[in-house]
């Protein structure tokens, strides 16, 4: 690792095979926490290359606990994290809205590393028990359109760096990798990123993978469609900038999107959105993200129709009923 770090400190780049080997060695416990922290720091100081990202991704997917749910052609909705905004669990809430609209979802999530509450935090707040059992995951997606995969259980490398990431408390290339290593390798993905260079990096990476995707970025720095201003949506074929007004949705304030100081506070906001008691801005933000996820699955549908489907799922109570059914299947509280 010492030689690798010296090279990286001199602004050299790793080859695809080198990157793959480094991740395999991390998972094997060959590096101490200080070395891992130094490696993470390098990629805070310069952009990761497409070859490095693909190499890291290949290593994680090779070492994953595989789950075959391909016949459902599911979607995952996820943000990279690392935007410093500490939003409530917008992507996770959107997943239940999409599932409530009748689409199959496989949510791949983790504990918050750069925010108070990650997807796994909000799931645990509701008593969800994480599982790697393929039969259990299959029953969940068949009965309520959604299965939840807790990332560390499916990838030893992510588990090996969890403590370092939490102690550092800053974004890292593992934030970049998380969306790429859903062990199901879903057919569709809506990904939020915190800057425009990452939007282009993922665009290239997804095109190489064959996933049908959209990458979104709010131009004021959010790694999701925040509705606080303009946002860009990139697919394999085009890029377009939208405003909330173009979608018939209200603008949100930063305060409305804040996730609070504790996982409990974030879970209360999650609940309020599904229950219809959240602020108009909180609800609209979730509807926007869910709507664009539906558009990834159904690109021939007008965006306005996809937004309407998401709104109907949320306002009719379908999303809430889906979540309650999910809890019956996946928690001790059901």
C-alpha atoms as a PDB file:
ATOM      1  CA  UNK A   1       0.000   0.000   0.000  1.00  0.00           C
ATOM      2  CA  UNK A   2       2.872   2.397   0.726  1.00  0.00           C
ATOM      3  CA  UNK A   3       4.019   2.328  -2.905  1.00  0.00           C
ATOM      4  CA  UNK A   4       0.463   2.760  -4.149  1.00  0.00           C
ATOM      5  CA  UNK A   5      -0.074   5.771  -1.896  1.00  0.00           C
ATOM      6  CA  UNK A   6       3.172   7.400  -3.058  1.00  0.00           C
ATOM      7  CA  UNK A   7       2.036   7.032  -6.655  1.00  0.00           C
ATOM      8  CA  UNK A   8      -1.357   8.483  -5.897  1.00  0.00           C
ATOM      9  CA  UNK A   9       0.178  11.383  -3.951  1.00  0.00           C
ATOM     10  CA  UNK A  10       2.122  12.168  -7.144  1.00  0.00           C
ATOM     11  CA  UNK A  11      -1.177  12.464  -9.023  1.00  0.00           C
ATOM     12  CA  UNK A  12      -0.844   9.183 -10.880  1.00  0.00           C
ATOM     13  CA  UNK A  13      -3.897   7.089 -11.680  1.00  0.00           C
ATOM     14  CA  UNK A  14      -4.609   3.428 -11.052  1.00  0.00           C
ATOM     15  CA  UNK A  15      -5.321   1.006 -13.846  1.00  0.00           C
ATOM     16  CA  UNK A  16      -8.565  -0.935 -13.851  1.00  0.00           C
ATOM     17  CA  UNK A  17      -6.901  -4.168 -12.671  1.00  0.00           C
ATOM     18  CA  UNK A  18      -4.932  -2.347  -9.957  1.00  0.00           C
ATOM     19  CA  UNK A  19      -8.087  -0.764  -8.593  1.00  0.00           C
ATOM     20  CA  UNK A  20      -9.825  -4.139  -8.540  1.00  0.00           C
ATOM     21  CA  UNK A  21      -6.918  -5.729  -6.638  1.00  0.00           C
ATOM     22  CA  UNK A  22      -6.806  -2.944  -4.035  1.00  0.00           C
ATOM     23  CA  UNK A  23     -10.468  -3.458  -3.152  1.00  0.00           C
ATOM     24  CA  UNK A  24      -9.939  -7.196  -2.915  1.00  0.00           C
ATOM     25  CA  UNK A  25      -7.012  -6.608  -0.540  1.00  0.00           C
ATOM     26  CA  UNK A  26      -9.091  -4.246   1.620  1.00  0.00           C
ATOM     27  CA  UNK A  27     -11.741  -6.932   1.952  1.00  0.00           C
ATOM     28  CA  UNK A  28      -9.045  -9.449   2.888  1.00  0.00           C
ATOM     29  CA  UNK A  29      -7.892  -7.213   5.762  1.00  0.00           C
ATOM     30  CA  UNK A  30      -4.431  -6.537   4.310  1.00  0.00           C
ATOM     31  CA  UNK A  31      -4.502  -2.802   5.094  1.00  0.00           C
ATOM     32  CA  UNK A  32      -4.894  -1.010   8.422  1.00  0.00           C
ATOM     33  CA  UNK A  33      -7.399   1.774   9.045  1.00  0.00           C
ATOM     34  CA  UNK A  34      -4.835   4.546   8.607  1.00  0.00           C
ATOM     35  CA  UNK A  35      -3.886   3.231   5.181  1.00  0.00           C
ATOM     36  CA  UNK A  36      -7.533   2.970   4.161  1.00  0.00           C
ATOM     37  CA  UNK A  37      -8.164   6.512   5.411  1.00  0.00           C
ATOM     38  CA  UNK A  38      -5.191   7.768   3.377  1.00  0.00           C
ATOM     39  CA  UNK A  39      -6.530   6.053   0.274  1.00  0.00           C
ATOM     40  CA  UNK A  40      -9.947   7.631   0.800  1.00  0.00           C
ATOM     41  CA  UNK A  41      -8.303  11.042   1.237  1.00  0.00           C
ATOM     42  CA  UNK A  42      -6.567  10.805  -2.136  1.00  0.00           C
ATOM     43  CA  UNK A  43      -9.893  10.618  -3.910  1.00  0.00           C
ATOM     44  CA  UNK A  44     -11.139  13.655  -2.008  1.00  0.00           C
ATOM     45  CA  UNK A  45      -8.231  15.623  -3.459  1.00  0.00           C
ATOM     46  CA  UNK A  46      -8.690  14.583  -7.067  1.00  0.00           C
ATOM     47  CA  UNK A  47     -11.400  13.119  -9.267  1.00  0.00           C
ATOM     48  CA  UNK A  48     -11.664   9.374  -9.690  1.00  0.00           C
ATOM     49  CA  UNK A  49     -11.192   8.097 -13.247  1.00  0.00           C
ATOM     50  CA  UNK A  50     -13.644   5.925 -15.152  1.00  0.00           C
ATOM     51  CA  UNK A  51     -11.081   3.080 -15.169  1.00  0.00           C
ATOM     52  CA  UNK A  52     -10.580   3.321 -11.394  1.00  0.00           C
ATOM     53  CA  UNK A  53     -14.306   3.402 -10.737  1.00  0.00           C
ATOM     54  CA  UNK A  54     -14.971   0.411 -12.995  1.00  0.00           C
ATOM     55  CA  UNK A  55     -12.102  -1.538 -11.396  1.00  0.00           C
ATOM     56  CA  UNK A  56     -13.384  -0.869  -7.872  1.00  0.00           C
ATOM     57  CA  UNK A  57     -16.913  -1.802  -9.000  1.00  0.00           C
ATOM     58  CA  UNK A  58     -15.756  -5.072 -10.570  1.00  0.00           C
ATOM     59  CA  UNK A  59     -14.010  -6.089  -7.344  1.00  0.00           C
ATOM     60  CA  UNK A  60     -17.068  -5.424  -5.207  1.00  0.00           C
ATOM     61  CA  UNK A  61     -19.402  -7.247  -7.572  1.00  0.00           C
ATOM     62  CA  UNK A  62     -17.035 -10.240  -7.768  1.00  0.00           C
ATOM     63  CA  UNK A  63     -17.032 -10.492  -3.957  1.00  0.00           C
ATOM     64  CA  UNK A  64     -20.728  -9.814  -3.429  1.00  0.00           C
ATOM     65  CA  UNK A  65     -23.314 -12.196  -2.051  1.00  0.00           C
ATOM     66  CA  UNK A  66     -25.327 -12.576  -5.265  1.00  0.00           C
ATOM     67  CA  UNK A  67     -29.101 -12.371  -5.383  1.00  0.00           C
ATOM     68  CA  UNK A  68     -30.942 -13.305  -8.562  1.00  0.00           C
ATOM     69  CA  UNK A  69     -34.088 -11.211  -8.929  1.00  0.00           C
ATOM     70  CA  UNK A  70     -33.527 -10.385 -12.564  1.00  0.00           C
ATOM     71  CA  UNK A  71     -36.887 -11.651 -13.749  1.00  0.00           C
ATOM     72  CA  UNK A  72     -38.574  -8.771 -11.908  1.00  0.00           C
ATOM     73  CA  UNK A  73     -36.491  -6.144 -13.764  1.00  0.00           C
ATOM     74  CA  UNK A  74     -36.425  -3.942 -10.642  1.00  0.00           C
ATOM     75  CA  UNK A  75     -35.272  -0.367 -10.150  1.00  0.00           C
ATOM     76  CA  UNK A  76     -33.069   1.121  -7.431  1.00  0.00           C
ATOM     77  CA  UNK A  77     -33.287   4.784  -6.404  1.00  0.00           C
ATOM     78  CA  UNK A  78     -30.192   6.042  -4.622  1.00  0.00           C
ATOM     79  CA  UNK A  79     -28.036   9.086  -3.998  1.00  0.00           C
ATOM     80  CA  UNK A  80     -24.273   9.076  -3.654  1.00  0.00           C
ATOM     81  CA  UNK A  81     -24.438  11.021  -0.410  1.00  0.00           C
ATOM     82  CA  UNK A  82     -21.664  13.446   0.348  1.00  0.00           C
ATOM     83  CA  UNK A  83     -23.565  16.593  -0.604  1.00  0.00           C
ATOM     84  CA  UNK A  84     -23.372  17.956   2.948  1.00  0.00           C
ATOM     85  CA  UNK A  85     -27.099  18.739   2.978  1.00  0.00           C
ATOM     86  CA  UNK A  86     -28.263  16.199   5.609  1.00  0.00           C
ATOM     87  CA  UNK A  87     -31.606  15.670   3.877  1.00  0.00           C
ATOM     88  CA  UNK A  88     -34.276  13.308   5.116  1.00  0.00           C
ATOM     89  CA  UNK A  89     -34.460   9.903   3.409  1.00  0.00           C
ATOM     90  CA  UNK A  90     -35.810  11.145   0.088  1.00  0.00           C
ATOM     91  CA  UNK A  91     -34.608   8.224  -2.054  1.00  0.00           C
ATOM     92  CA  UNK A  92     -35.898   5.605   0.382  1.00  0.00           C
ATOM     93  CA  UNK A  93     -39.291   7.275   0.641  1.00  0.00           C
ATOM     94  CA  UNK A  94     -39.432   7.520  -3.151  1.00  0.00           C
ATOM     95  CA  UNK A  95     -38.798   3.773  -3.408  1.00  0.00           C
ATOM     96  CA  UNK A  96     -42.014   3.042  -1.528  1.00  0.00           C
ATOM     97  CA  UNK A  97     -43.914   5.494  -3.717  1.00  0.00           C
ATOM     98  CA  UNK A  98     -42.662   3.718  -6.843  1.00  0.00           C
ATOM     99  CA  UNK A  99     -43.494   0.319  -5.332  1.00  0.00           C
ATOM    100  CA  UNK A 100     -46.931   1.640  -4.420  1.00  0.00           C
ATOM    101  CA  UNK A 101     -47.415   2.605  -8.060  1.00  0.00           C
ATOM    102  CA  UNK A 102     -46.929  -1.059  -8.992  1.00  0.00           C
ATOM    103  CA  UNK A 103     -43.280  -1.195 -10.056  1.00  0.00           C
ATOM    104  CA  UNK A 104     -40.661  -3.592  -8.684  1.00  0.00           C
ATOM    105  CA  UNK A 105     -37.961  -2.038  -6.513  1.00  0.00           C
ATOM    106  CA  UNK A 106     -34.752  -3.432  -4.994  1.00  0.00           C
ATOM    107  CA  UNK A 107     -33.383  -0.806  -2.631  1.00  0.00           C
ATOM    108  CA  UNK A 108     -29.677  -1.170  -1.808  1.00  0.00           C
ATOM    109  CA  UNK A 109     -28.799   0.938   1.230  1.00  0.00           C
ATOM    110  CA  UNK A 110     -26.499   1.494   4.159  1.00  0.00           C
ATOM    111  CA  UNK A 111     -26.142   3.440   7.387  1.00  0.00           C
ATOM    112  CA  UNK A 112     -25.491   7.149   7.007  1.00  0.00           C
ATOM    113  CA  UNK A 113     -21.786   7.931   6.607  1.00  0.00           C
ATOM    114  CA  UNK A 114     -22.035  11.640   5.790  1.00  0.00           C
ATOM    115  CA  UNK A 115     -25.560  12.317   7.060  1.00  0.00           C
ATOM    116  CA  UNK A 116     -27.474  11.520  10.219  1.00  0.00           C
ATOM    117  CA  UNK A 117     -29.722   8.906   8.654  1.00  0.00           C
ATOM    118  CA  UNK A 118     -29.015   6.536   5.792  1.00  0.00           C
ATOM    119  CA  UNK A 119     -31.558   4.135   4.332  1.00  0.00           C
ATOM    120  CA  UNK A 120     -30.579   1.387   6.784  1.00  0.00           C
ATOM    121  CA  UNK A 121     -31.005   3.760   9.725  1.00  0.00           C
ATOM    122  CA  UNK A 122     -34.600   4.541   8.785  1.00  0.00           C
ATOM    123  CA  UNK A 123     -35.321   0.864   8.150  1.00  0.00           C
ATOM    124  CA  UNK A 124     -33.961  -0.088  11.588  1.00  0.00           C
ATOM    125  CA  UNK A 125     -36.022   2.659  13.216  1.00  0.00           C
ATOM    126  CA  UNK A 126     -39.061   0.733  11.985  1.00  0.00           C
ATOM    127  CA  UNK A 127     -37.803  -2.629  13.219  1.00  0.00           C
ATOM    128  CA  UNK A 128     -36.767  -3.994   9.826  1.00  0.00           C
ATOM    129  CA  UNK A 129     -34.568  -7.079  10.075  1.00  0.00           C
ATOM    130  CA  UNK A 130     -31.978  -7.262   7.330  1.00  0.00           C
ATOM    131  CA  UNK A 131     -31.697 -10.529   5.418  1.00  0.00           C
ATOM    132  CA  UNK A 132     -29.568 -12.130   2.728  1.00  0.00           C
ATOM    133  CA  UNK A 133     -31.965 -15.035   2.258  1.00  0.00           C
ATOM    134  CA  UNK A 134     -32.975 -15.139  -1.440  1.00  0.00           C
ATOM    135  CA  UNK A 135     -36.323 -16.737  -0.639  1.00  0.00           C
ATOM    136  CA  UNK A 136     -37.190 -14.014   1.851  1.00  0.00           C
ATOM    137  CA  UNK A 137     -36.171 -11.226  -0.560  1.00  0.00           C
ATOM    138  CA  UNK A 138     -38.158 -12.864  -3.336  1.00  0.00           C
ATOM    139  CA  UNK A 139     -41.269 -13.069  -1.147  1.00  0.00           C
ATOM    140  CA  UNK A 140     -40.894  -9.414  -0.246  1.00  0.00           C
ATOM    141  CA  UNK A 141     -40.676  -8.214  -3.848  1.00  0.00           C
ATOM    142  CA  UNK A 142     -43.494 -10.508  -4.952  1.00  0.00           C
ATOM    143  CA  UNK A 143     -45.867  -9.506  -2.164  1.00  0.00           C
ATOM    144  CA  UNK A 144     -45.216  -5.783  -1.828  1.00  0.00           C
ATOM    145  CA  UNK A 145     -43.098  -4.886  -4.886  1.00  0.00           C
ATOM    146  CA  UNK A 146     -39.976  -4.028  -2.875  1.00  0.00           C
ATOM    147  CA  UNK A 147     -37.018  -5.791  -1.261  1.00  0.00           C
ATOM    148  CA  UNK A 148     -34.374  -4.113   0.905  1.00  0.00           C
ATOM    149  CA  UNK A 149     -30.695  -5.077   0.748  1.00  0.00           C
ATOM    150  CA  UNK A 150     -28.443  -3.849   3.574  1.00  0.00           C
ATOM    151  CA  UNK A 151     -25.147  -3.251   1.794  1.00  0.00           C
ATOM    152  CA  UNK A 152     -22.620  -4.555   4.383  1.00  0.00           C
ATOM    153  CA  UNK A 153     -24.331  -7.950   4.466  1.00  0.00           C
ATOM    154  CA  UNK A 154     -23.875  -8.354   0.732  1.00  0.00           C
ATOM    155  CA  UNK A 155     -20.361  -7.005   0.342  1.00  0.00           C
ATOM    156  CA  UNK A 156     -17.485  -7.721   2.725  1.00  0.00           C
ATOM    157  CA  UNK A 157     -15.409  -4.811   1.438  1.00  0.00           C
ATOM    158  CA  UNK A 158     -18.089  -2.287   2.360  1.00  0.00           C
ATOM    159  CA  UNK A 159     -18.315  -3.819   5.819  1.00  0.00           C
ATOM    160  CA  UNK A 160     -14.526  -3.680   6.185  1.00  0.00           C
ATOM    161  CA  UNK A 161     -14.415   0.103   5.694  1.00  0.00           C
ATOM    162  CA  UNK A 162     -17.609   1.049   7.554  1.00  0.00           C
ATOM    163  CA  UNK A 163     -15.824   2.157  10.735  1.00  0.00           C
ATOM    164  CA  UNK A 164     -13.253   4.249   8.864  1.00  0.00           C
ATOM    165  CA  UNK A 165     -15.939   5.960   6.793  1.00  0.00           C
ATOM    166  CA  UNK A 166     -17.986   6.793   9.870  1.00  0.00           C
ATOM    167  CA  UNK A 167     -14.970   8.143  11.753  1.00  0.00           C
ATOM    168  CA  UNK A 168     -13.887  10.319   8.824  1.00  0.00           C
ATOM    169  CA  UNK A 169     -17.421  11.623   8.321  1.00  0.00           C
ATOM    170  CA  UNK A 170     -16.661  12.897   4.819  1.00  0.00           C
ATOM    171  CA  UNK A 171     -17.686  11.645   1.424  1.00  0.00           C
ATOM    172  CA  UNK A 172     -15.427   9.074  -0.201  1.00  0.00           C
ATOM    173  CA  UNK A 173     -15.161   6.986  -3.329  1.00  0.00           C
ATOM    174  CA  UNK A 174     -17.236   4.407  -1.467  1.00  0.00           C
ATOM    175  CA  UNK A 175     -20.129   6.870  -1.750  1.00  0.00           C
ATOM    176  CA  UNK A 176     -19.535   6.710  -5.494  1.00  0.00           C
ATOM    177  CA  UNK A 177     -19.388   2.923  -5.516  1.00  0.00           C
ATOM    178  CA  UNK A 178     -22.484   2.226  -3.437  1.00  0.00           C
ATOM    179  CA  UNK A 179     -24.964   2.951  -6.247  1.00  0.00           C
ATOM    180  CA  UNK A 180     -22.981   0.778  -8.665  1.00  0.00           C
ATOM    181  CA  UNK A 181     -22.779  -2.383  -6.589  1.00  0.00           C
ATOM    182  CA  UNK A 182     -26.373  -3.338  -5.851  1.00  0.00           C
ATOM    183  CA  UNK A 183     -25.851  -7.130  -5.777  1.00  0.00           C
ATOM    184  CA  UNK A 184     -29.002  -7.699  -7.826  1.00  0.00           C
ATOM    185  CA  UNK A 185     -27.549  -5.504 -10.623  1.00  0.00           C
ATOM    186  CA  UNK A 186     -30.999  -4.018 -11.250  1.00  0.00           C
ATOM    187  CA  UNK A 187     -32.253  -3.366 -14.761  1.00  0.00           C
ATOM    188  CA  UNK A 188     -33.057   0.258 -13.937  1.00  0.00           C
ATOM    189  CA  UNK A 189     -31.495   2.912 -11.745  1.00  0.00           C
ATOM    190  CA  UNK A 190     -32.178   6.503 -10.765  1.00  0.00           C
ATOM    191  CA  UNK A 191     -29.026   7.944  -9.252  1.00  0.00           C
ATOM    192  CA  UNK A 192     -28.514  11.325  -7.603  1.00  0.00           C
ATOM    193  CA  UNK A 193     -25.046  12.923  -7.548  1.00  0.00           C
ATOM    194  CA  UNK A 194     -23.667  15.979  -5.775  1.00  0.00           C
ATOM    195  CA  UNK A 195     -21.808  17.618  -8.682  1.00  0.00           C
ATOM    196  CA  UNK A 196     -21.734  17.772 -12.481  1.00  0.00           C
ATOM    197  CA  UNK A 197     -18.381  15.974 -13.001  1.00  0.00           C
ATOM    198  CA  UNK A 198     -19.857  12.963 -11.177  1.00  0.00           C
ATOM    199  CA  UNK A 199     -22.965  13.148 -13.337  1.00  0.00           C
ATOM    200  CA  UNK A 200     -20.805  12.716 -16.424  1.00  0.00           C
ATOM    201  CA  UNK A 201     -18.629  10.037 -14.789  1.00  0.00           C
ATOM    202  CA  UNK A 202     -21.658   7.886 -13.933  1.00  0.00           C
ATOM    203  CA  UNK A 203     -23.167   8.532 -17.337  1.00  0.00           C
ATOM    204  CA  UNK A 204     -20.086   6.959 -18.970  1.00  0.00           C
ATOM    205  CA  UNK A 205     -19.956   4.124 -16.427  1.00  0.00           C
ATOM    206  CA  UNK A 206     -23.636   3.210 -16.764  1.00  0.00           C
ATOM    207  CA  UNK A 207     -23.454   3.258 -20.544  1.00  0.00           C
ATOM    208  CA  UNK A 208     -20.672   0.661 -20.313  1.00  0.00           C
ATOM    209  CA  UNK A 209     -22.768  -1.504 -17.955  1.00  0.00           C
ATOM    210  CA  UNK A 210     -25.961  -1.734 -20.008  1.00  0.00           C
ATOM    211  CA  UNK A 211     -28.197  -0.489 -17.175  1.00  0.00           C
ATOM    212  CA  UNK A 212     -31.133   1.722 -18.171  1.00  0.00           C
ATOM    213  CA  UNK A 213     -30.608   4.809 -16.058  1.00  0.00           C
ATOM    214  CA  UNK A 214     -31.009   8.468 -15.295  1.00  0.00           C
ATOM    215  CA  UNK A 215     -28.504  10.493 -13.293  1.00  0.00           C
ATOM    216  CA  UNK A 216     -29.868  13.580 -11.550  1.00  0.00           C
ATOM    217  CA  UNK A 217     -28.200  16.572  -9.925  1.00  0.00           C
ATOM    218  CA  UNK A 218     -29.703  19.689  -8.417  1.00  0.00           C
ATOM    219  CA  UNK A 219     -27.566  22.613  -9.536  1.00  0.00           C
ATOM    220  CA  UNK A 220     -27.360  24.012  -6.005  1.00  0.00           C
ATOM    221  CA  UNK A 221     -25.548  20.876  -4.857  1.00  0.00           C
ATOM    222  CA  UNK A 222     -28.123  18.283  -3.808  1.00  0.00           C
ATOM    223  CA  UNK A 223     -27.571  14.640  -4.777  1.00  0.00           C
ATOM    224  CA  UNK A 224     -31.244  14.240  -5.672  1.00  0.00           C
ATOM    225  CA  UNK A 225     -34.067  16.254  -7.194  1.00  0.00           C
ATOM    226  CA  UNK A 226     -34.450  18.748  -4.370  1.00  0.00           C
ATOM    227  CA  UNK A 227     -36.883  21.194  -6.027  1.00  0.00           C
ATOM    228  CA  UNK A 228     -34.911  23.994  -4.370  1.00  0.00           C
ATOM    229  CA  UNK A 229     -34.020  25.227  -7.867  1.00  0.00           C
ATOM    230  CA  UNK A 230     -32.996  23.954 -11.283  1.00  0.00           C
ATOM    231  CA  UNK A 231     -31.840  20.360 -11.705  1.00  0.00           C
ATOM    232  CA  UNK A 232     -30.270  18.355 -14.500  1.00  0.00           C
ATOM    233  CA  UNK A 233     -31.328  14.877 -15.641  1.00  0.00           C
ATOM    234  CA  UNK A 234     -28.916  12.883 -17.803  1.00  0.00           C
ATOM    235  CA  UNK A 235     -29.663   9.636 -19.643  1.00  0.00           C
ATOM    236  CA  UNK A 236     -27.740   7.696 -22.274  1.00  0.00           C
ATOM    237  CA  UNK A 237     -29.392   9.798 -24.978  1.00  0.00           C
ATOM    238  CA  UNK A 238     -29.746  13.321 -23.626  1.00  0.00           C
ATOM    239  CA  UNK A 239     -29.326  15.833 -20.843  1.00  0.00           C
ATOM    240  CA  UNK A 240     -32.024  18.295 -19.835  1.00  0.00           C
ATOM    241  CA  UNK A 241     -32.402  20.984 -17.195  1.00  0.00           C
ATOM    242  CA  UNK A 242     -35.752  21.231 -15.418  1.00  0.00           C
ATOM    243  CA  UNK A 243     -37.301  23.674 -12.981  1.00  0.00           C
ATOM    244  CA  UNK A 244     -39.952  22.733 -10.392  1.00  0.00           C
ATOM    245  CA  UNK A 245     -42.420  24.913 -12.277  1.00  0.00           C
ATOM    246  CA  UNK A 246     -41.952  22.833 -15.437  1.00  0.00           C
ATOM    247  CA  UNK A 247     -43.305  19.856 -13.477  1.00  0.00           C
ATOM    248  CA  UNK A 248     -46.147  21.753 -11.836  1.00  0.00           C
ATOM    249  CA  UNK A 249     -44.491  21.287  -8.444  1.00  0.00           C
ATOM    250  CA  UNK A 250     -43.710  23.862  -5.745  1.00  0.00           C
ATOM    251  CA  UNK A 251     -40.191  24.909  -4.865  1.00  0.00           C
ATOM    252  CA  UNK A 252     -38.769  23.527  -1.616  1.00  0.00           C
ATOM    253  CA  UNK A 253     -36.712  25.328   0.983  1.00  0.00           C
ATOM    254  CA  UNK A 254     -33.530  23.835   2.382  1.00  0.00           C
ATOM    255  CA  UNK A 255     -35.147  23.771   5.822  1.00  0.00           C
ATOM    256  CA  UNK A 256     -37.985  21.544   4.554  1.00  0.00           C
ATOM    257  CA  UNK A 257     -35.520  18.933   3.314  1.00  0.00           C
ATOM    258  CA  UNK A 258     -33.371  18.790   6.445  1.00  0.00           C
ATOM    259  CA  UNK A 259     -33.348  15.362   8.084  1.00  0.00           C
ATOM    260  CA  UNK A 260     -32.911  16.573  11.658  1.00  0.00           C
ATOM    261  CA  UNK A 261     -30.311  15.715  14.259  1.00  0.00           C
ATOM    262  CA  UNK A 262     -31.128  12.051  14.903  1.00  0.00           C
ATOM    263  CA  UNK A 263     -32.218   8.955  12.976  1.00  0.00           C
ATOM    264  CA  UNK A 264     -35.462   9.124  14.973  1.00  0.00           C
ATOM    265  CA  UNK A 265     -36.167  12.612  13.620  1.00  0.00           C
ATOM    266  CA  UNK A 266     -35.457  11.504  10.050  1.00  0.00           C
ATOM    267  CA  UNK A 267     -37.755   8.495  10.484  1.00  0.00           C
ATOM    268  CA  UNK A 268     -40.564  10.790  11.639  1.00  0.00           C
ATOM    269  CA  UNK A 269     -40.259  12.817   8.436  1.00  0.00           C
ATOM    270  CA  UNK A 270     -40.241   9.603   6.382  1.00  0.00           C
ATOM    271  CA  UNK A 271     -43.461   8.558   8.131  1.00  0.00           C
ATOM    272  CA  UNK A 272     -45.092  11.958   7.695  1.00  0.00           C
ATOM    273  CA  UNK A 273     -44.524  11.920   3.933  1.00  0.00           C
ATOM    274  CA  UNK A 274     -46.101   8.485   3.521  1.00  0.00           C
ATOM    275  CA  UNK A 275     -48.948   9.416   5.884  1.00  0.00           C
ATOM    276  CA  UNK A 276     -49.696  12.649   4.012  1.00  0.00           C
ATOM    277  CA  UNK A 277     -48.898  14.971   6.923  1.00  0.00           C
ATOM    278  CA  UNK A 278     -45.554  16.318   5.657  1.00  0.00           C
ATOM    279  CA  UNK A 279     -45.095  19.800   4.247  1.00  0.00           C
ATOM    280  CA  UNK A 280     -46.084  20.348   0.589  1.00  0.00           C
ATOM    281  CA  UNK A 281     -42.404  20.743  -0.252  1.00  0.00           C
ATOM    282  CA  UNK A 282     -41.384  17.458   1.367  1.00  0.00           C
ATOM    283  CA  UNK A 283     -44.145  15.613  -0.453  1.00  0.00           C
ATOM    284  CA  UNK A 284     -43.391  17.287  -3.772  1.00  0.00           C
ATOM    285  CA  UNK A 285     -39.700  16.412  -3.523  1.00  0.00           C
ATOM    286  CA  UNK A 286     -40.508  12.722  -3.056  1.00  0.00           C
ATOM    287  CA  UNK A 287     -43.061  12.815  -5.873  1.00  0.00           C
ATOM    288  CA  UNK A 288     -40.486  14.344  -8.229  1.00  0.00           C
ATOM    289  CA  UNK A 289     -37.860  11.691  -7.511  1.00  0.00           C
ATOM    290  CA  UNK A 290     -40.385   8.858  -7.731  1.00  0.00           C
ATOM    291  CA  UNK A 291     -41.783  10.290 -10.955  1.00  0.00           C
ATOM    292  CA  UNK A 292     -38.422  10.390 -12.677  1.00  0.00           C
ATOM    293  CA  UNK A 293     -37.741   6.836 -11.461  1.00  0.00           C
ATOM    294  CA  UNK A 294     -40.948   5.722 -13.167  1.00  0.00           C
ATOM    295  CA  UNK A 295     -39.789   7.585 -16.281  1.00  0.00           C
ATOM    296  CA  UNK A 296     -36.575   5.519 -16.285  1.00  0.00           C
ATOM    297  CA  UNK A 297     -38.696   2.351 -16.380  1.00  0.00           C
ATOM    298  CA  UNK A 298     -41.157   3.809 -18.896  1.00  0.00           C
ATOM    299  CA  UNK A 299     -39.171   6.258 -21.053  1.00  0.00           C
ATOM    300  CA  UNK A 300     -41.962   6.503 -23.628  1.00  0.00           C
ATOM    301  CA  UNK A 301     -44.355   7.950 -21.049  1.00  0.00           C
ATOM    302  CA  UNK A 302     -44.332  11.748 -20.751  1.00  0.00           C
ATOM    303  CA  UNK A 303     -42.617  12.958 -17.600  1.00  0.00           C
ATOM    304  CA  UNK A 304     -45.866  14.646 -16.540  1.00  0.00           C
ATOM    305  CA  UNK A 305     -47.686  11.293 -16.619  1.00  0.00           C
ATOM    306  CA  UNK A 306     -44.951   9.657 -14.548  1.00  0.00           C
ATOM    307  CA  UNK A 307     -45.160  12.476 -11.984  1.00  0.00           C
ATOM    308  CA  UNK A 308     -48.934  11.969 -11.882  1.00  0.00           C
ATOM    309  CA  UNK A 309     -48.483   8.236 -11.199  1.00  0.00           C
ATOM    310  CA  UNK A 310     -46.143   9.016  -8.319  1.00  0.00           C
ATOM    311  CA  UNK A 311     -48.535  11.593  -6.910  1.00  0.00           C
ATOM    312  CA  UNK A 312     -51.432   9.160  -7.083  1.00  0.00           C
ATOM    313  CA  UNK A 313     -49.412   6.460  -5.305  1.00  0.00           C
ATOM    314  CA  UNK A 314     -48.594   8.822  -2.458  1.00  0.00           C
ATOM    315  CA  UNK A 315     -51.873  10.724  -2.113  1.00  0.00           C
ATOM    316  CA  UNK A 316     -54.112   7.658  -2.464  1.00  0.00           C
ATOM    317  CA  UNK A 317     -52.311   5.871   0.366  1.00  0.00           C
ATOM    318  CA  UNK A 318     -50.919   3.115  -1.878  1.00  0.00           C
ATOM    319  CA  UNK A 319     -47.341   3.977  -0.892  1.00  0.00           C
ATOM    320  CA  UNK A 320     -48.231   3.846   2.815  1.00  0.00           C
ATOM    321  CA  UNK A 321     -50.057   0.523   2.434  1.00  0.00           C
ATOM    322  CA  UNK A 322     -47.050  -0.842   0.557  1.00  0.00           C
ATOM    323  CA  UNK A 323     -44.761   0.199   3.404  1.00  0.00           C
ATOM    324  CA  UNK A 324     -47.021  -1.348   6.029  1.00  0.00           C
ATOM    325  CA  UNK A 325     -47.117  -4.593   4.052  1.00  0.00           C
ATOM    326  CA  UNK A 326     -43.328  -4.435   3.742  1.00  0.00           C
ATOM    327  CA  UNK A 327     -43.066  -4.160   7.547  1.00  0.00           C
ATOM    328  CA  UNK A 328     -45.293  -7.191   8.018  1.00  0.00           C
ATOM    329  CA  UNK A 329     -42.873  -9.215   5.923  1.00  0.00           C
ATOM    330  CA  UNK A 330     -39.578  -7.736   7.115  1.00  0.00           C
ATOM    331  CA  UNK A 331     -39.826  -6.640  10.756  1.00  0.00           C
ATOM    332  CA  UNK A 332     -40.700  -7.765  14.251  1.00  0.00           C
ATOM    333  CA  UNK A 333     -43.172  -4.878  14.518  1.00  0.00           C
ATOM    334  CA  UNK A 334     -45.624  -6.139  11.938  1.00  0.00           C
END
